[in-house]
Amino acid sequence: MIAHLENSGGEKCRSIKCFKDDMRIRERGQMEKKLSEMEYEEEGIVKKIGESLKDKIAGMGIREGKEIKMMTKQPIKGPVVVVVDRSNTSIGLGLADKIIVEVAK
């Protein structure tokens, strides 16, 4: 029965916790999206970072729980520029795909 649950992104939840977490986010009027999917000037809080990236991007100030703001996206799979702690940081699109941000709807 649990295998049939889907979160708001259409992904299969493998546990009741996954489904309940998704429901709490929707009730607060917030949603999760990849950093690479954020719109210009959109702000959010970093919720999840791919395990292999945590050390790599920690030096850029990007950590779970930090506020982040999308500034620009470069065309044709170019880097994205974000603001973290009042500093502009550029990261590749591949890395931005592995960072989940909670944003207001």
C-alpha atoms as a PDB file:
ATOM      1  CA  MET A   1       0.000   0.000   0.000  1.00  0.00           C
ATOM      2  CA  ILE A   2       2.776   2.481   0.810  1.00  0.00           C
ATOM      3  CA  ALA A   3       4.400   1.974  -2.590  1.00  0.00           C
ATOM      4  CA  HIS A   4       1.340   3.593  -4.238  1.00  0.00           C
ATOM      5  CA  LEU A   5       1.693   6.940  -2.452  1.00  0.00           C
ATOM      6  CA  GLU A   6       2.964   9.852  -4.535  1.00  0.00           C
ATOM      7  CA  ASN A   7       4.316  13.180  -3.369  1.00  0.00           C
ATOM      8  CA  SER A   8       3.342  16.475  -5.005  1.00  0.00           C
ATOM      9  CA  GLY A   9       6.146  16.088  -7.558  1.00  0.00           C
ATOM     10  CA  GLY A  10       4.610  12.833  -8.787  1.00  0.00           C
ATOM     11  CA  GLU A  11       7.465  10.809  -7.316  1.00  0.00           C
ATOM     12  CA  LYS A  12       6.734   7.565  -5.510  1.00  0.00           C
ATOM     13  CA  CYS A  13       7.108   7.787  -1.736  1.00  0.00           C
ATOM     14  CA  ARG A  14       8.593   4.675  -0.231  1.00  0.00           C
ATOM     15  CA  SER A  15       7.527   5.549   3.276  1.00  0.00           C
ATOM     16  CA  ILE A  16       4.711   7.184   5.184  1.00  0.00           C
ATOM     17  CA  LYS A  17       7.269   9.759   6.463  1.00  0.00           C
ATOM     18  CA  CYS A  18       8.033  10.901   2.906  1.00  0.00           C
ATOM     19  CA  PHE A  19       4.322  11.336   2.191  1.00  0.00           C
ATOM     20  CA  LYS A  20       3.637  13.162   5.497  1.00  0.00           C
ATOM     21  CA  ASP A  21       6.623  15.502   4.980  1.00  0.00           C
ATOM     22  CA  ASP A  22       5.284  16.410   1.556  1.00  0.00           C
ATOM     23  CA  MET A  23       1.816  17.070   2.990  1.00  0.00           C
ATOM     24  CA  ARG A  24       3.271  19.409   5.663  1.00  0.00           C
ATOM     25  CA  ILE A  25       5.108  21.404   3.000  1.00  0.00           C
ATOM     26  CA  ARG A  26       1.931  21.801   0.933  1.00  0.00           C
ATOM     27  CA  GLU A  27      -0.101  22.850   3.992  1.00  0.00           C
ATOM     28  CA  ARG A  28       2.381  25.651   4.734  1.00  0.00           C
ATOM     29  CA  GLY A  29       1.989  26.968   1.186  1.00  0.00           C
ATOM     30  CA  GLN A  30       5.526  26.008   0.279  1.00  0.00           C
ATOM     31  CA  MET A  31       7.025  23.664  -2.252  1.00  0.00           C
ATOM     32  CA  GLU A  32      10.374  22.104  -2.959  1.00  0.00           C
ATOM     33  CA  LYS A  33      12.206  22.477  -6.242  1.00  0.00           C
ATOM     34  CA  LYS A  34      15.688  22.079  -7.609  1.00  0.00           C
ATOM     35  CA  LEU A  35      17.884  25.147  -7.388  1.00  0.00           C
ATOM     36  CA  SER A  36      18.236  24.991 -11.170  1.00  0.00           C
ATOM     37  CA  GLU A  37      14.430  25.330 -11.519  1.00  0.00           C
ATOM     38  CA  MET A  38      14.106  28.508  -9.440  1.00  0.00           C
ATOM     39  CA  GLU A  39      12.930  31.690 -11.143  1.00  0.00           C
ATOM     40  CA  TYR A  40      14.851  34.967 -11.227  1.00  0.00           C
ATOM     41  CA  GLU A  41      14.747  36.802  -7.874  1.00  0.00           C
ATOM     42  CA  GLU A  42      13.041  33.788  -6.227  1.00  0.00           C
ATOM     43  CA  GLU A  43      14.136  33.084  -2.665  1.00  0.00           C
ATOM     44  CA  GLY A  44      14.093  29.964  -0.561  1.00  0.00           C
ATOM     45  CA  ILE A  45      15.829  27.838   2.040  1.00  0.00           C
ATOM     46  CA  VAL A  46      18.200  25.030   1.126  1.00  0.00           C
ATOM     47  CA  LYS A  47      16.581  21.783   2.301  1.00  0.00           C
ATOM     48  CA  LYS A  48      18.651  18.970   0.785  1.00  0.00           C
ATOM     49  CA  ILE A  49      22.047  18.696  -0.841  1.00  0.00           C
ATOM     50  CA  GLY A  50      23.300  15.609  -2.613  1.00  0.00           C
ATOM     51  CA  GLU A  51      25.593  13.753  -0.213  1.00  0.00           C
ATOM     52  CA  SER A  52      28.555  13.840  -2.610  1.00  0.00           C
ATOM     53  CA  LEU A  53      28.272  17.639  -2.941  1.00  0.00           C
ATOM     54  CA  LYS A  54      28.071  18.771   0.673  1.00  0.00           C
ATOM     55  CA  ASP A  55      31.809  19.206   1.174  1.00  0.00           C
ATOM     56  CA  LYS A  56      32.334  20.645  -2.292  1.00  0.00           C
ATOM     57  CA  ILE A  57      29.860  23.508  -1.939  1.00  0.00           C
ATOM     58  CA  ALA A  58      30.136  24.174   1.802  1.00  0.00           C
ATOM     59  CA  GLY A  59      33.059  26.481   1.035  1.00  0.00           C
ATOM     60  CA  MET A  60      30.704  28.545  -1.129  1.00  0.00           C
ATOM     61  CA  GLY A  61      28.439  29.065   1.874  1.00  0.00           C
ATOM     62  CA  ILE A  62      25.693  26.788   0.529  1.00  0.00           C
ATOM     63  CA  ARG A  63      24.511  24.517   3.332  1.00  0.00           C
ATOM     64  CA  GLU A  64      21.201  23.038   4.435  1.00  0.00           C
ATOM     65  CA  GLY A  65      19.102  25.627   6.266  1.00  0.00           C
ATOM     66  CA  LYS A  66      20.694  28.635   4.504  1.00  0.00           C
ATOM     67  CA  GLU A  67      18.633  31.266   2.713  1.00  0.00           C
ATOM     68  CA  ILE A  68      19.377  31.468  -0.993  1.00  0.00           C
ATOM     69  CA  LYS A  69      18.219  33.755  -3.804  1.00  0.00           C
ATOM     70  CA  MET A  70      18.407  33.095  -7.553  1.00  0.00           C
ATOM     71  CA  MET A  71      19.989  36.013  -9.380  1.00  0.00           C
ATOM     72  CA  THR A  72      20.686  34.846 -12.932  1.00  0.00           C
ATOM     73  CA  LYS A  73      20.719  31.768 -15.118  1.00  0.00           C
ATOM     74  CA  GLN A  74      23.028  31.561 -18.094  1.00  0.00           C
ATOM     75  CA  PRO A  75      21.622  30.144 -21.355  1.00  0.00           C
ATOM     76  CA  ILE A  76      22.382  26.747 -22.827  1.00  0.00           C
ATOM     77  CA  LYS A  77      23.110  24.861 -19.622  1.00  0.00           C
ATOM     78  CA  GLY A  78      25.378  27.561 -18.243  1.00  0.00           C
ATOM     79  CA  PRO A  79      25.947  28.285 -14.546  1.00  0.00           C
ATOM     80  CA  VAL A  80      23.466  29.895 -12.176  1.00  0.00           C
ATOM     81  CA  VAL A  81      24.331  32.827  -9.937  1.00  0.00           C
ATOM     82  CA  VAL A  82      22.839  32.838  -6.441  1.00  0.00           C
ATOM     83  CA  VAL A  83      23.158  35.030  -3.377  1.00  0.00           C
ATOM     84  CA  VAL A  84      24.050  33.352  -0.073  1.00  0.00           C
ATOM     85  CA  ASP A  85      24.945  35.479   2.958  1.00  0.00           C
ATOM     86  CA  ARG A  86      25.075  38.640   0.803  1.00  0.00           C
ATOM     87  CA  SER A  87      27.687  37.046  -1.496  1.00  0.00           C
ATOM     88  CA  ASN A  88      27.178  36.170  -5.156  1.00  0.00           C
ATOM     89  CA  THR A  89      28.174  32.618  -5.984  1.00  0.00           C
ATOM     90  CA  SER A  90      28.188  30.921  -9.366  1.00  0.00           C
ATOM     91  CA  ILE A  91      27.611  27.171  -9.579  1.00  0.00           C
ATOM     92  CA  GLY A  92      27.272  24.816 -12.497  1.00  0.00           C
ATOM     93  CA  LEU A  93      23.856  23.648 -13.625  1.00  0.00           C
ATOM     94  CA  GLY A  94      24.731  20.024 -12.805  1.00  0.00           C
ATOM     95  CA  LEU A  95      25.408  20.952  -9.181  1.00  0.00           C
ATOM     96  CA  ALA A  96      22.292  23.156  -9.032  1.00  0.00           C
ATOM     97  CA  ASP A  97      20.224  20.118 -10.099  1.00  0.00           C
ATOM     98  CA  LYS A  98      21.318  18.295  -6.930  1.00  0.00           C
ATOM     99  CA  ILE A  99      20.298  21.033  -4.486  1.00  0.00           C
ATOM    100  CA  ILE A 100      16.675  21.100  -3.254  1.00  0.00           C
ATOM    101  CA  VAL A 101      15.252  24.426  -2.089  1.00  0.00           C
ATOM    102  CA  GLU A 102      11.979  25.103  -0.254  1.00  0.00           C
ATOM    103  CA  VAL A 103      10.257  28.131  -1.791  1.00  0.00           C
ATOM    104  CA  ALA A 104       6.928  29.862  -1.201  1.00  0.00           C
ATOM    105  CA  LYS A 105       4.235  29.021  -3.756  1.00  0.00           C
END
